[in-house]
Amino acid sequence: MKVMMPCHCGHRINYEYDDEVEVTPEVYSDIIHGNFMSVICEKCGITLKPEYSVMFTYPSKQMKICLVPELERDSFLRGKSNLNYKKTDRFVIGFMELAEKLKILEAGFDDIFVEAVKYYILSKIENDNNIENEILIFFNEFKDNNLVFYIHGLKEKEVGILNINKEFYDMTYEKLKDSLNEEPFKKFLVPPYVSILNIYREYTDNIPGDDQPGNNQPA
């Protein structure tokens, strides 16, 4: 795909990207380290991080993942984006969700039950703390038999680190594997968009997965 991309300096860049990408070790590394889709403005030298919709195929995990640009988050979650009609195994919104999804799959976990673990973590945080701002939690790695999560929003300009023993993940799997279609789990654990944000952010219109999507039709 070819697009004209504006830089902060006012220069317009001829930018070309692939809207279908296979997740190779090199692509995985670029995404994890924040280098995927980076481009340097030839006029001012600044590094830009554009975000366009891309369909990723992950052959080793037998998974197709559609990246929804962060700027389209609201319209997508309301079922008002043409991307809602893409045929895919998973949707992710923005590069942070994409990187997290790849890390989860690469570590050999089921993203559905990792998201359930995040639900229990966030529920405990809300019960134990009087926090008004939004809490975001991302899986980062599996280390020393622990799932390591990064938590944003507990303190300003700080990222919390929480280790959850794999036994808790296994217990969550056994507890929920036959009840994913029950409340509240069916609201955020049913593909293709598997995310705790489906219940931590309220949207009054239709959401992905509804039997009756929004009125927009695919182009």
N, C-alpha and C. Protein backbone atom coordinates (compact mmCIF):
# COMPACT_ATOMS: atom_id res chain seq x y z
N MET A 1 0.86 -1.19 0.00
CA MET A 1 0.00 0.00 0.00
C MET A 1 0.89 1.24 0.00
N LYS A 2 0.50 2.25 -0.79
CA LYS A 2 1.22 3.50 -0.84
C LYS A 2 0.36 4.62 -0.27
N VAL A 3 0.94 5.40 0.63
CA VAL A 3 0.21 6.51 1.23
C VAL A 3 1.13 7.73 1.29
N MET A 4 0.52 8.91 1.36
CA MET A 4 1.25 10.14 1.62
C MET A 4 1.11 10.44 3.10
N MET A 5 2.23 10.43 3.81
CA MET A 5 2.19 10.58 5.25
C MET A 5 2.80 11.91 5.68
N PRO A 6 2.06 12.74 6.41
CA PRO A 6 2.61 14.03 6.84
C PRO A 6 3.55 13.86 8.03
N CYS A 7 4.63 14.61 8.03
CA CYS A 7 5.55 14.65 9.18
C CYS A 7 5.17 15.87 10.04
N HIS A 8 5.66 15.89 11.26
CA HIS A 8 5.40 17.02 12.15
C HIS A 8 5.99 18.32 11.60
N CYS A 9 7.04 18.18 10.77
CA CYS A 9 7.69 19.38 10.22
C CYS A 9 6.94 19.94 9.03
N GLY A 10 5.90 19.25 8.57
CA GLY A 10 5.13 19.71 7.43
C GLY A 10 5.47 18.99 6.14
N HIS A 11 6.58 18.27 6.14
CA HIS A 11 6.98 17.53 4.95
C HIS A 11 6.05 16.33 4.75
N ARG A 12 5.74 16.01 3.51
CA ARG A 12 4.90 14.85 3.20
C ARG A 12 5.78 13.73 2.64
N ILE A 13 5.63 12.57 3.22
CA ILE A 13 6.50 11.44 2.90
C ILE A 13 5.72 10.41 2.08
N ASN A 14 6.34 9.97 0.98
CA ASN A 14 5.79 8.84 0.23
C ASN A 14 6.14 7.57 0.98
N TYR A 15 5.12 6.94 1.57
CA TYR A 15 5.36 5.78 2.42
C TYR A 15 4.65 4.56 1.84
N GLU A 16 5.38 3.45 1.80
CA GLU A 16 4.82 2.22 1.27
C GLU A 16 4.95 1.12 2.31
N TYR A 17 3.87 0.37 2.50
CA TYR A 17 3.90 -0.72 3.48
C TYR A 17 3.08 -1.90 2.96
N ASP A 18 3.33 -3.07 3.51
CA ASP A 18 2.58 -4.27 3.16
C ASP A 18 1.39 -4.41 4.10
N ASP A 19 0.21 -4.61 3.55
CA ASP A 19 -0.96 -4.78 4.41
C ASP A 19 -1.19 -6.25 4.78
N GLU A 20 -0.33 -7.15 4.31
CA GLU A 20 -0.32 -8.54 4.73
C GLU A 20 1.13 -8.93 5.01
N VAL A 21 1.39 -9.38 6.24
CA VAL A 21 2.76 -9.65 6.67
C VAL A 21 2.81 -10.98 7.41
N GLU A 22 3.81 -11.79 7.10
CA GLU A 22 4.03 -13.03 7.84
C GLU A 22 4.94 -12.74 9.03
N VAL A 23 4.60 -13.29 10.18
CA VAL A 23 5.40 -13.08 11.39
C VAL A 23 6.59 -14.04 11.36
N THR A 24 7.71 -13.54 10.85
CA THR A 24 8.98 -14.25 10.88
C THR A 24 9.73 -13.83 12.14
N PRO A 25 10.82 -14.50 12.49
CA PRO A 25 11.61 -14.04 13.64
C PRO A 25 12.04 -12.58 13.53
N GLU A 26 12.35 -12.13 12.30
CA GLU A 26 12.77 -10.75 12.11
C GLU A 26 11.60 -9.78 12.35
N VAL A 27 10.42 -10.12 11.81
CA VAL A 27 9.24 -9.27 12.01
C VAL A 27 8.85 -9.26 13.48
N TYR A 28 8.91 -10.43 14.13
CA TYR A 28 8.60 -10.52 15.56
C TYR A 28 9.51 -9.58 16.35
N SER A 29 10.80 -9.61 16.08
CA SER A 29 11.76 -8.77 16.79
C SER A 29 11.46 -7.29 16.55
N ASP A 30 11.15 -6.91 15.30
CA ASP A 30 10.85 -5.51 15.00
C ASP A 30 9.62 -5.02 15.77
N ILE A 31 8.60 -5.87 15.85
CA ILE A 31 7.38 -5.48 16.56
C ILE A 31 7.64 -5.35 18.05
N ILE A 32 8.32 -6.34 18.62
CA ILE A 32 8.58 -6.35 20.07
C ILE A 32 9.44 -5.16 20.48
N HIS A 33 10.38 -4.77 19.64
CA HIS A 33 11.30 -3.69 19.98
C HIS A 33 10.83 -2.32 19.45
N GLY A 34 9.64 -2.27 18.88
CA GLY A 34 9.07 -1.00 18.47
C GLY A 34 9.62 -0.44 17.18
N ASN A 35 10.20 -1.31 16.34
CA ASN A 35 10.78 -0.83 15.10
C ASN A 35 9.92 -1.06 13.88
N PHE A 36 8.86 -1.84 14.03
CA PHE A 36 8.02 -2.17 12.88
C PHE A 36 7.32 -0.91 12.37
N MET A 37 7.35 -0.69 11.08
CA MET A 37 6.70 0.44 10.41
C MET A 37 7.36 1.78 10.71
N SER A 38 8.53 1.78 11.32
CA SER A 38 9.21 3.05 11.57
C SER A 38 9.74 3.63 10.26
N VAL A 39 9.71 4.95 10.16
CA VAL A 39 10.24 5.62 8.97
C VAL A 39 10.87 6.94 9.41
N ILE A 40 11.99 7.29 8.77
CA ILE A 40 12.70 8.53 9.09
C ILE A 40 12.37 9.59 8.05
N CYS A 41 11.96 10.75 8.52
CA CYS A 41 11.67 11.86 7.61
C CYS A 41 12.99 12.36 7.01
N GLU A 42 13.03 12.39 5.69
CA GLU A 42 14.27 12.80 5.02
C GLU A 42 14.54 14.29 5.15
N LYS A 43 13.54 15.08 5.58
CA LYS A 43 13.72 16.52 5.72
C LYS A 43 14.23 16.91 7.10
N CYS A 44 13.58 16.40 8.17
CA CYS A 44 13.96 16.82 9.53
C CYS A 44 14.69 15.74 10.32
N GLY A 45 14.66 14.50 9.81
CA GLY A 45 15.41 13.42 10.46
C GLY A 45 14.69 12.74 11.62
N ILE A 46 13.45 13.16 11.92
CA ILE A 46 12.73 12.55 13.03
C ILE A 46 12.24 11.16 12.63
N THR A 47 12.19 10.24 13.60
CA THR A 47 11.65 8.90 13.35
C THR A 47 10.15 8.90 13.63
N LEU A 48 9.38 8.52 12.64
CA LEU A 48 7.93 8.47 12.76
C LEU A 48 7.47 7.03 12.96
N LYS A 49 6.36 6.88 13.67
CA LYS A 49 5.80 5.57 13.95
C LYS A 49 4.36 5.51 13.42
N PRO A 50 4.20 5.43 12.11
CA PRO A 50 2.84 5.35 11.56
C PRO A 50 2.18 4.03 11.96
N GLU A 51 0.85 4.03 11.93
CA GLU A 51 0.10 2.84 12.32
C GLU A 51 -1.04 2.65 11.33
N TYR A 52 -0.89 1.66 10.47
CA TYR A 52 -1.92 1.33 9.50
C TYR A 52 -2.39 -0.10 9.73
N SER A 53 -3.56 -0.40 9.24
CA SER A 53 -4.09 -1.75 9.41
C SER A 53 -3.26 -2.76 8.62
N VAL A 54 -2.87 -3.84 9.31
CA VAL A 54 -2.08 -4.90 8.70
C VAL A 54 -2.65 -6.24 9.15
N MET A 55 -2.72 -7.20 8.23
CA MET A 55 -3.11 -8.56 8.58
C MET A 55 -1.84 -9.40 8.72
N PHE A 56 -1.61 -9.88 9.93
CA PHE A 56 -0.43 -10.70 10.20
C PHE A 56 -0.81 -12.17 10.19
N THR A 57 -0.03 -12.97 9.49
CA THR A 57 -0.18 -14.42 9.57
C THR A 57 0.99 -14.95 10.39
N TYR A 58 0.66 -15.84 11.33
CA TYR A 58 1.66 -16.38 12.26
C TYR A 58 1.64 -17.90 12.09
N PRO A 59 2.32 -18.41 11.05
CA PRO A 59 2.22 -19.83 10.70
C PRO A 59 2.57 -20.77 11.84
N SER A 60 3.59 -20.46 12.62
CA SER A 60 4.02 -21.37 13.68
C SER A 60 2.97 -21.48 14.78
N LYS A 61 2.07 -20.49 14.89
CA LYS A 61 1.01 -20.52 15.91
C LYS A 61 -0.36 -20.73 15.28
N GLN A 62 -0.39 -20.92 13.95
CA GLN A 62 -1.64 -21.12 13.23
C GLN A 62 -2.66 -20.02 13.58
N MET A 63 -2.22 -18.80 13.46
CA MET A 63 -3.03 -17.66 13.89
C MET A 63 -2.94 -16.52 12.86
N LYS A 64 -4.09 -15.90 12.60
CA LYS A 64 -4.13 -14.66 11.82
C LYS A 64 -4.55 -13.54 12.76
N ILE A 65 -3.81 -12.44 12.73
CA ILE A 65 -4.04 -11.32 13.65
C ILE A 65 -4.17 -10.04 12.84
N CYS A 66 -5.27 -9.34 13.01
CA CYS A 66 -5.49 -8.08 12.29
C CYS A 66 -5.20 -6.91 13.23
N LEU A 67 -4.29 -6.05 12.82
CA LEU A 67 -3.96 -4.85 13.58
C LEU A 67 -4.92 -3.72 13.23
N VAL A 68 -5.60 -3.22 14.26
CA VAL A 68 -6.47 -2.05 14.11
C VAL A 68 -5.68 -0.83 14.61
N PRO A 69 -5.55 0.22 13.81
CA PRO A 69 -4.83 1.42 14.28
C PRO A 69 -5.47 1.99 15.54
N GLU A 70 -4.63 2.50 16.43
CA GLU A 70 -5.12 3.07 17.70
C GLU A 70 -6.15 4.17 17.46
N LEU A 71 -5.98 4.95 16.39
CA LEU A 71 -6.91 6.03 16.10
C LEU A 71 -8.31 5.52 15.76
N GLU A 72 -8.42 4.25 15.42
CA GLU A 72 -9.72 3.67 15.08
C GLU A 72 -10.31 2.86 16.23
N ARG A 73 -9.71 2.96 17.42
CA ARG A 73 -10.17 2.15 18.55
C ARG A 73 -11.67 2.35 18.82
N ASP A 74 -12.10 3.59 18.97
CA ASP A 74 -13.48 3.84 19.35
C ASP A 74 -14.45 3.34 18.28
N SER A 75 -14.18 3.67 17.02
CA SER A 75 -15.10 3.25 15.96
C SER A 75 -15.12 1.73 15.83
N PHE A 76 -13.98 1.09 16.02
CA PHE A 76 -13.92 -0.36 15.95
C PHE A 76 -14.73 -1.01 17.07
N LEU A 77 -14.54 -0.52 18.31
CA LEU A 77 -15.24 -1.11 19.45
C LEU A 77 -16.74 -0.84 19.42
N ARG A 78 -17.14 0.18 18.66
CA ARG A 78 -18.57 0.45 18.49
C ARG A 78 -19.14 -0.30 17.29
N GLY A 79 -18.29 -1.09 16.61
CA GLY A 79 -18.75 -1.83 15.45
C GLY A 79 -18.97 -0.96 14.23
N LYS A 80 -18.30 0.21 14.18
CA LYS A 80 -18.54 1.18 13.12
C LYS A 80 -17.38 1.26 12.12
N SER A 81 -16.43 0.37 12.23
CA SER A 81 -15.26 0.39 11.33
C SER A 81 -15.39 -0.72 10.30
N ASN A 82 -14.91 -0.45 9.09
CA ASN A 82 -14.90 -1.49 8.07
C ASN A 82 -14.00 -2.66 8.48
N LEU A 83 -13.06 -2.41 9.38
CA LEU A 83 -12.18 -3.49 9.84
C LEU A 83 -12.95 -4.54 10.63
N ASN A 84 -14.12 -4.19 11.17
CA ASN A 84 -14.93 -5.15 11.90
C ASN A 84 -15.30 -6.37 11.04
N TYR A 85 -15.26 -6.20 9.73
CA TYR A 85 -15.69 -7.25 8.83
C TYR A 85 -14.54 -8.10 8.32
N LYS A 86 -13.34 -7.83 8.75
CA LYS A 86 -12.19 -8.63 8.37
C LYS A 86 -12.32 -10.04 8.94
N LYS A 87 -11.95 -11.04 8.15
CA LYS A 87 -11.94 -12.42 8.61
C LYS A 87 -10.59 -12.71 9.24
N THR A 88 -10.59 -12.90 10.55
CA THR A 88 -9.33 -13.09 11.26
C THR A 88 -9.57 -13.89 12.53
N ASP A 89 -8.49 -14.46 13.07
CA ASP A 89 -8.60 -15.18 14.34
C ASP A 89 -8.65 -14.20 15.52
N ARG A 90 -7.87 -13.13 15.41
CA ARG A 90 -7.80 -12.15 16.48
C ARG A 90 -7.68 -10.74 15.90
N PHE A 91 -8.28 -9.80 16.62
CA PHE A 91 -8.02 -8.39 16.40
C PHE A 91 -7.15 -7.90 17.55
N VAL A 92 -6.26 -6.97 17.26
CA VAL A 92 -5.54 -6.22 18.29
C VAL A 92 -5.62 -4.76 17.91
N ILE A 93 -5.63 -3.88 18.91
CA ILE A 93 -5.72 -2.45 18.64
C ILE A 93 -4.42 -1.79 19.08
N GLY A 94 -3.68 -1.28 18.12
CA GLY A 94 -2.42 -0.60 18.42
C GLY A 94 -1.26 -1.58 18.60
N PHE A 95 -0.06 -1.01 18.52
CA PHE A 95 1.15 -1.84 18.57
C PHE A 95 1.40 -2.46 19.94
N MET A 96 0.95 -1.82 21.02
CA MET A 96 1.16 -2.41 22.34
C MET A 96 0.38 -3.71 22.47
N GLU A 97 -0.87 -3.73 22.00
CA GLU A 97 -1.65 -4.96 22.04
C GLU A 97 -1.08 -6.01 21.10
N LEU A 98 -0.58 -5.58 19.94
CA LEU A 98 0.02 -6.51 19.00
C LEU A 98 1.25 -7.17 19.62
N ALA A 99 2.14 -6.36 20.19
CA ALA A 99 3.35 -6.91 20.80
C ALA A 99 3.00 -7.88 21.92
N GLU A 100 2.01 -7.50 22.74
CA GLU A 100 1.60 -8.38 23.83
C GLU A 100 1.06 -9.70 23.29
N LYS A 101 0.23 -9.64 22.27
CA LYS A 101 -0.36 -10.86 21.71
C LYS A 101 0.73 -11.80 21.21
N LEU A 102 1.71 -11.25 20.53
CA LEU A 102 2.80 -12.08 20.01
C LEU A 102 3.63 -12.68 21.15
N LYS A 103 3.86 -11.90 22.20
CA LYS A 103 4.61 -12.42 23.35
C LYS A 103 3.86 -13.57 24.02
N ILE A 104 2.55 -13.42 24.16
CA ILE A 104 1.74 -14.48 24.77
C ILE A 104 1.83 -15.77 23.96
N LEU A 105 1.65 -15.64 22.64
CA LEU A 105 1.68 -16.81 21.78
C LEU A 105 3.07 -17.43 21.74
N GLU A 106 4.09 -16.59 21.69
CA GLU A 106 5.47 -17.09 21.63
C GLU A 106 5.82 -17.82 22.92
N ALA A 107 5.26 -17.40 24.04
CA ALA A 107 5.52 -18.06 25.33
C ALA A 107 4.73 -19.35 25.48
N GLY A 108 3.83 -19.62 24.54
CA GLY A 108 3.09 -20.88 24.56
C GLY A 108 1.80 -20.85 25.36
N PHE A 109 1.29 -19.65 25.67
CA PHE A 109 0.06 -19.54 26.44
C PHE A 109 -1.13 -19.27 25.53
N ASP A 110 -2.30 -19.53 26.06
CA ASP A 110 -3.56 -19.21 25.39
C ASP A 110 -3.94 -17.79 25.79
N ASP A 111 -4.06 -16.90 24.80
CA ASP A 111 -4.33 -15.50 25.11
C ASP A 111 -5.66 -15.31 25.82
N ILE A 112 -6.62 -16.19 25.59
CA ILE A 112 -7.92 -16.08 26.24
C ILE A 112 -7.76 -16.18 27.75
N PHE A 113 -6.96 -17.13 28.21
CA PHE A 113 -6.84 -17.35 29.65
C PHE A 113 -5.83 -16.40 30.29
N VAL A 114 -4.89 -15.88 29.51
CA VAL A 114 -4.04 -14.80 30.02
C VAL A 114 -4.89 -13.57 30.27
N GLU A 115 -5.85 -13.31 29.38
CA GLU A 115 -6.74 -12.16 29.57
C GLU A 115 -7.62 -12.37 30.80
N ALA A 116 -8.00 -13.62 31.06
CA ALA A 116 -8.78 -13.92 32.26
C ALA A 116 -7.96 -13.67 33.51
N VAL A 117 -6.68 -14.03 33.49
CA VAL A 117 -5.79 -13.75 34.62
C VAL A 117 -5.72 -12.25 34.85
N LYS A 118 -5.63 -11.46 33.78
CA LYS A 118 -5.61 -10.01 33.90
C LYS A 118 -6.89 -9.49 34.54
N TYR A 119 -8.00 -10.12 34.23
CA TYR A 119 -9.28 -9.74 34.83
C TYR A 119 -9.23 -9.89 36.35
N TYR A 120 -8.71 -11.01 36.83
CA TYR A 120 -8.63 -11.24 38.27
C TYR A 120 -7.64 -10.27 38.92
N ILE A 121 -6.55 -9.98 38.24
CA ILE A 121 -5.58 -9.01 38.77
C ILE A 121 -6.21 -7.63 38.90
N LEU A 122 -6.87 -7.20 37.83
CA LEU A 122 -7.49 -5.86 37.84
C LEU A 122 -8.62 -5.77 38.85
N SER A 123 -9.36 -6.86 39.02
CA SER A 123 -10.44 -6.86 40.01
C SER A 123 -9.88 -6.67 41.41
N LYS A 124 -8.77 -7.34 41.71
CA LYS A 124 -8.14 -7.20 43.03
C LYS A 124 -7.59 -5.80 43.22
N ILE A 125 -6.97 -5.24 42.18
CA ILE A 125 -6.44 -3.88 42.27
C ILE A 125 -7.56 -2.90 42.58
N GLU A 126 -8.68 -3.06 41.89
CA GLU A 126 -9.80 -2.14 42.10
C GLU A 126 -10.40 -2.30 43.51
N ASN A 127 -10.42 -3.52 44.00
CA ASN A 127 -10.99 -3.76 45.34
C ASN A 127 -10.09 -3.25 46.45
N ASP A 128 -8.77 -3.28 46.21
CA ASP A 128 -7.81 -2.94 47.26
C ASP A 128 -7.35 -1.48 47.21
N ASN A 129 -7.68 -0.79 46.13
CA ASN A 129 -7.17 0.58 45.97
C ASN A 129 -8.28 1.51 45.50
N ASN A 130 -8.17 2.75 45.91
CA ASN A 130 -9.10 3.78 45.45
C ASN A 130 -8.45 4.51 44.27
N ILE A 131 -8.54 3.89 43.09
CA ILE A 131 -7.88 4.41 41.91
C ILE A 131 -8.91 4.88 40.90
N GLU A 132 -8.82 6.15 40.51
CA GLU A 132 -9.80 6.72 39.59
C GLU A 132 -9.35 6.61 38.13
N ASN A 133 -8.04 6.61 37.88
CA ASN A 133 -7.57 6.56 36.50
C ASN A 133 -7.61 5.12 35.98
N GLU A 134 -7.53 4.99 34.67
CA GLU A 134 -7.59 3.69 34.02
C GLU A 134 -6.31 2.90 34.27
N ILE A 135 -6.47 1.62 34.60
CA ILE A 135 -5.34 0.72 34.78
C ILE A 135 -5.21 -0.15 33.54
N LEU A 136 -4.01 -0.18 32.98
CA LEU A 136 -3.73 -1.03 31.83
C LEU A 136 -2.68 -2.06 32.24
N ILE A 137 -2.90 -3.30 31.84
CA ILE A 137 -1.97 -4.36 32.21
C ILE A 137 -1.62 -5.16 30.96
N PHE A 138 -0.32 -5.44 30.80
CA PHE A 138 0.17 -6.15 29.63
C PHE A 138 1.09 -7.29 30.05
N PHE A 139 0.88 -8.45 29.43
CA PHE A 139 1.81 -9.55 29.61
C PHE A 139 3.13 -9.18 28.95
N ASN A 140 4.25 -9.43 29.64
CA ASN A 140 5.56 -9.08 29.07
C ASN A 140 6.42 -10.29 28.75
N GLU A 141 6.45 -11.28 29.68
CA GLU A 141 7.30 -12.44 29.44
C GLU A 141 6.95 -13.56 30.42
N PHE A 142 7.47 -14.74 30.14
CA PHE A 142 7.37 -15.87 31.05
C PHE A 142 8.78 -16.15 31.55
N LYS A 143 8.98 -16.00 32.86
CA LYS A 143 10.32 -16.11 33.42
C LYS A 143 10.26 -16.78 34.79
N ASP A 144 11.13 -17.76 35.00
CA ASP A 144 11.22 -18.46 36.30
C ASP A 144 9.86 -18.98 36.75
N ASN A 145 9.13 -19.57 35.82
CA ASN A 145 7.81 -20.17 36.07
C ASN A 145 6.76 -19.13 36.46
N ASN A 146 7.01 -17.86 36.13
CA ASN A 146 6.07 -16.78 36.41
C ASN A 146 5.67 -16.06 35.13
N LEU A 147 4.40 -15.70 35.04
CA LEU A 147 3.94 -14.80 34.01
C LEU A 147 4.19 -13.38 34.52
N VAL A 148 4.97 -12.61 33.79
CA VAL A 148 5.36 -11.28 34.23
C VAL A 148 4.49 -10.26 33.52
N PHE A 149 3.78 -9.44 34.31
CA PHE A 149 2.89 -8.41 33.76
C PHE A 149 3.42 -7.02 34.10
N TYR A 150 3.26 -6.10 33.15
CA TYR A 150 3.54 -4.69 33.38
C TYR A 150 2.21 -3.97 33.59
N ILE A 151 2.13 -3.18 34.65
CA ILE A 151 0.89 -2.50 35.00
C ILE A 151 1.09 -0.99 34.89
N HIS A 152 0.26 -0.34 34.10
CA HIS A 152 0.31 1.11 33.90
C HIS A 152 -0.88 1.76 34.58
N GLY A 153 -0.63 2.88 35.27
CA GLY A 153 -1.72 3.65 35.85
C GLY A 153 -1.81 3.60 37.36
N LEU A 154 -1.04 2.74 38.01
CA LEU A 154 -1.07 2.69 39.47
C LEU A 154 -0.49 3.96 40.07
N LYS A 155 0.65 4.39 39.49
CA LYS A 155 1.29 5.63 39.90
C LYS A 155 1.70 6.39 38.65
N GLU A 156 1.65 7.69 38.74
CA GLU A 156 1.98 8.53 37.60
C GLU A 156 3.43 8.31 37.17
N LYS A 157 3.61 8.08 35.87
CA LYS A 157 4.93 7.93 35.25
C LYS A 157 5.70 6.73 35.79
N GLU A 158 5.00 5.76 36.36
CA GLU A 158 5.65 4.54 36.83
C GLU A 158 4.94 3.33 36.27
N VAL A 159 5.72 2.27 36.03
CA VAL A 159 5.16 1.01 35.56
C VAL A 159 5.40 -0.04 36.63
N GLY A 160 4.32 -0.65 37.10
CA GLY A 160 4.44 -1.71 38.09
C GLY A 160 4.74 -3.05 37.43
N ILE A 161 5.43 -3.92 38.13
CA ILE A 161 5.75 -5.25 37.63
C ILE A 161 5.15 -6.27 38.59
N LEU A 162 4.39 -7.20 38.03
CA LEU A 162 3.74 -8.21 38.86
C LEU A 162 4.04 -9.60 38.30
N ASN A 163 4.53 -10.49 39.17
CA ASN A 163 4.79 -11.87 38.79
C ASN A 163 3.64 -12.76 39.26
N ILE A 164 3.07 -13.51 38.35
CA ILE A 164 2.00 -14.45 38.67
C ILE A 164 2.48 -15.86 38.37
N ASN A 165 2.48 -16.70 39.38
CA ASN A 165 2.96 -18.06 39.18
C ASN A 165 2.10 -18.80 38.15
N LYS A 166 2.73 -19.64 37.37
CA LYS A 166 2.01 -20.36 36.32
C LYS A 166 0.88 -21.22 36.89
N GLU A 167 0.99 -21.62 38.13
CA GLU A 167 -0.08 -22.41 38.74
C GLU A 167 -1.41 -21.65 38.74
N PHE A 168 -1.34 -20.34 38.91
CA PHE A 168 -2.56 -19.54 38.89
C PHE A 168 -3.16 -19.53 37.49
N TYR A 169 -2.31 -19.43 36.47
CA TYR A 169 -2.78 -19.52 35.08
C TYR A 169 -3.45 -20.86 34.85
N ASP A 170 -2.80 -21.95 35.30
CA ASP A 170 -3.36 -23.29 35.12
C ASP A 170 -4.71 -23.43 35.83
N MET A 171 -4.80 -22.87 37.03
CA MET A 171 -6.06 -22.92 37.77
C MET A 171 -7.15 -22.14 37.05
N THR A 172 -6.77 -20.99 36.50
CA THR A 172 -7.72 -20.17 35.75
C THR A 172 -8.22 -20.93 34.52
N TYR A 173 -7.31 -21.60 33.86
CA TYR A 173 -7.67 -22.39 32.68
C TYR A 173 -8.69 -23.46 33.05
N GLU A 174 -8.41 -24.21 34.09
CA GLU A 174 -9.31 -25.29 34.50
C GLU A 174 -10.66 -24.75 34.96
N LYS A 175 -10.64 -23.60 35.61
CA LYS A 175 -11.87 -23.01 36.14
C LYS A 175 -12.79 -22.49 35.05
N LEU A 176 -12.20 -21.92 34.00
CA LEU A 176 -13.00 -21.20 33.02
C LEU A 176 -13.16 -21.88 31.67
N LYS A 177 -12.45 -22.98 31.44
CA LYS A 177 -12.45 -23.56 30.10
C LYS A 177 -13.85 -23.97 29.63
N ASP A 178 -14.75 -24.25 30.57
CA ASP A 178 -16.10 -24.66 30.19
C ASP A 178 -17.15 -23.58 30.45
N SER A 179 -16.69 -22.38 30.81
CA SER A 179 -17.65 -21.33 31.15
C SER A 179 -17.33 -20.00 30.49
N LEU A 180 -16.69 -20.04 29.34
CA LEU A 180 -16.31 -18.80 28.66
C LEU A 180 -17.52 -18.04 28.13
N ASN A 181 -18.64 -18.73 27.95
CA ASN A 181 -19.83 -18.06 27.44
C ASN A 181 -20.75 -17.56 28.54
N GLU A 182 -20.23 -17.53 29.77
CA GLU A 182 -21.00 -17.01 30.88
C GLU A 182 -20.52 -15.60 31.22
N GLU A 183 -21.39 -14.84 31.90
CA GLU A 183 -21.03 -13.49 32.35
C GLU A 183 -20.00 -13.59 33.48
N PRO A 184 -19.06 -12.64 33.56
CA PRO A 184 -18.83 -11.54 32.61
C PRO A 184 -17.88 -11.91 31.49
N PHE A 185 -17.43 -13.17 31.48
CA PHE A 185 -16.32 -13.57 30.61
C PHE A 185 -16.67 -13.53 29.13
N LYS A 186 -17.93 -13.78 28.80
CA LYS A 186 -18.27 -13.79 27.39
C LYS A 186 -18.14 -12.41 26.75
N LYS A 187 -18.09 -11.37 27.59
CA LYS A 187 -17.97 -10.01 27.06
C LYS A 187 -16.57 -9.68 26.56
N PHE A 188 -15.57 -10.42 27.04
CA PHE A 188 -14.21 -10.06 26.64
C PHE A 188 -13.30 -11.24 26.31
N LEU A 189 -13.77 -12.47 26.48
CA LEU A 189 -12.93 -13.63 26.21
C LEU A 189 -13.33 -14.38 24.94
N VAL A 190 -14.37 -13.92 24.26
CA VAL A 190 -14.82 -14.58 23.05
C VAL A 190 -14.17 -13.92 21.83
N PRO A 191 -13.40 -14.66 21.02
CA PRO A 191 -12.75 -14.08 19.84
C PRO A 191 -13.78 -13.47 18.89
N PRO A 192 -13.32 -12.57 18.00
CA PRO A 192 -11.93 -12.31 17.65
C PRO A 192 -11.21 -11.22 18.46
N TYR A 193 -11.96 -10.32 19.15
CA TYR A 193 -11.25 -9.33 19.95
C TYR A 193 -11.28 -9.77 21.41
N VAL A 194 -10.17 -10.35 21.84
CA VAL A 194 -10.05 -10.88 23.20
C VAL A 194 -9.29 -9.85 24.03
N SER A 195 -10.03 -9.09 24.85
CA SER A 195 -9.38 -8.02 25.60
C SER A 195 -10.24 -7.60 26.79
N ILE A 196 -9.58 -7.40 27.92
CA ILE A 196 -10.25 -6.92 29.12
C ILE A 196 -10.86 -5.54 28.90
N LEU A 197 -10.35 -4.81 27.91
CA LEU A 197 -10.87 -3.47 27.65
C LEU A 197 -12.30 -3.49 27.15
N ASN A 198 -12.78 -4.65 26.73
CA ASN A 198 -14.17 -4.75 26.30
C ASN A 198 -15.15 -4.51 27.45
N ILE A 199 -14.71 -4.71 28.70
CA ILE A 199 -15.59 -4.43 29.83
C ILE A 199 -15.07 -3.26 30.67
N TYR A 200 -13.81 -2.89 30.49
CA TYR A 200 -13.29 -1.76 31.27
C TYR A 200 -13.47 -0.44 30.54
N ARG A 201 -13.95 -0.50 29.30
CA ARG A 201 -14.33 0.71 28.59
C ARG A 201 -15.74 0.50 28.08
N GLU A 202 -16.63 1.45 28.33
CA GLU A 202 -18.04 1.27 28.00
C GLU A 202 -18.34 1.89 26.64
N TYR A 203 -18.99 1.09 25.81
CA TYR A 203 -19.41 1.56 24.48
C TYR A 203 -20.88 1.22 24.30
N THR A 204 -21.67 2.21 23.91
CA THR A 204 -23.11 2.02 23.86
C THR A 204 -23.57 1.39 22.56
N ASP A 205 -22.76 1.49 21.51
CA ASP A 205 -23.15 0.90 20.24
C ASP A 205 -22.72 -0.56 20.20
N ASN A 206 -22.89 -1.17 19.04
CA ASN A 206 -22.53 -2.58 18.90
C ASN A 206 -21.04 -2.78 19.02
N ILE A 207 -20.64 -3.95 19.48
CA ILE A 207 -19.23 -4.30 19.62
C ILE A 207 -18.92 -5.47 18.71
N PRO A 208 -17.62 -5.68 18.35
CA PRO A 208 -17.26 -6.80 17.50
C PRO A 208 -17.77 -8.10 18.09
N GLY A 209 -18.35 -8.93 17.21
CA GLY A 209 -18.86 -10.20 17.68
C GLY A 209 -20.36 -10.19 17.87
N ASP A 210 -20.99 -8.97 17.89
CA ASP A 210 -22.44 -8.90 17.98
C ASP A 210 -23.07 -9.56 16.76
N ASP A 211 -24.23 -10.14 16.93
CA ASP A 211 -24.92 -10.74 15.80
C ASP A 211 -25.35 -9.69 14.79
N GLN A 212 -25.58 -8.45 15.27
CA GLN A 212 -26.01 -7.39 14.39
C GLN A 212 -25.03 -6.25 14.46
N PRO A 213 -24.02 -6.24 13.58
CA PRO A 213 -23.01 -5.18 13.62
C PRO A 213 -23.59 -3.85 13.22
N GLY A 214 -22.75 -2.80 13.29
CA GLY A 214 -23.19 -1.45 12.96
C GLY A 214 -23.64 -1.32 11.52
N ASN A 215 -24.12 -0.16 11.18
CA ASN A 215 -24.74 0.03 9.87
C ASN A 215 -23.73 0.16 8.76
N ASN A 216 -22.46 0.47 9.10
CA ASN A 216 -21.46 0.59 8.05
C ASN A 216 -21.28 -0.75 7.34
N GLN A 217 -21.13 -0.73 6.07
CA GLN A 217 -20.89 -1.95 5.29
C GLN A 217 -19.48 -1.93 4.74
N PRO A 218 -18.88 -3.09 4.54
CA PRO A 218 -17.51 -3.12 4.03
C PRO A 218 -17.43 -2.52 2.65
N ALA A 219 -16.30 -1.85 2.42
CA ALA A 219 -16.15 -1.19 1.13
C ALA A 219 -15.95 -2.23 0.03
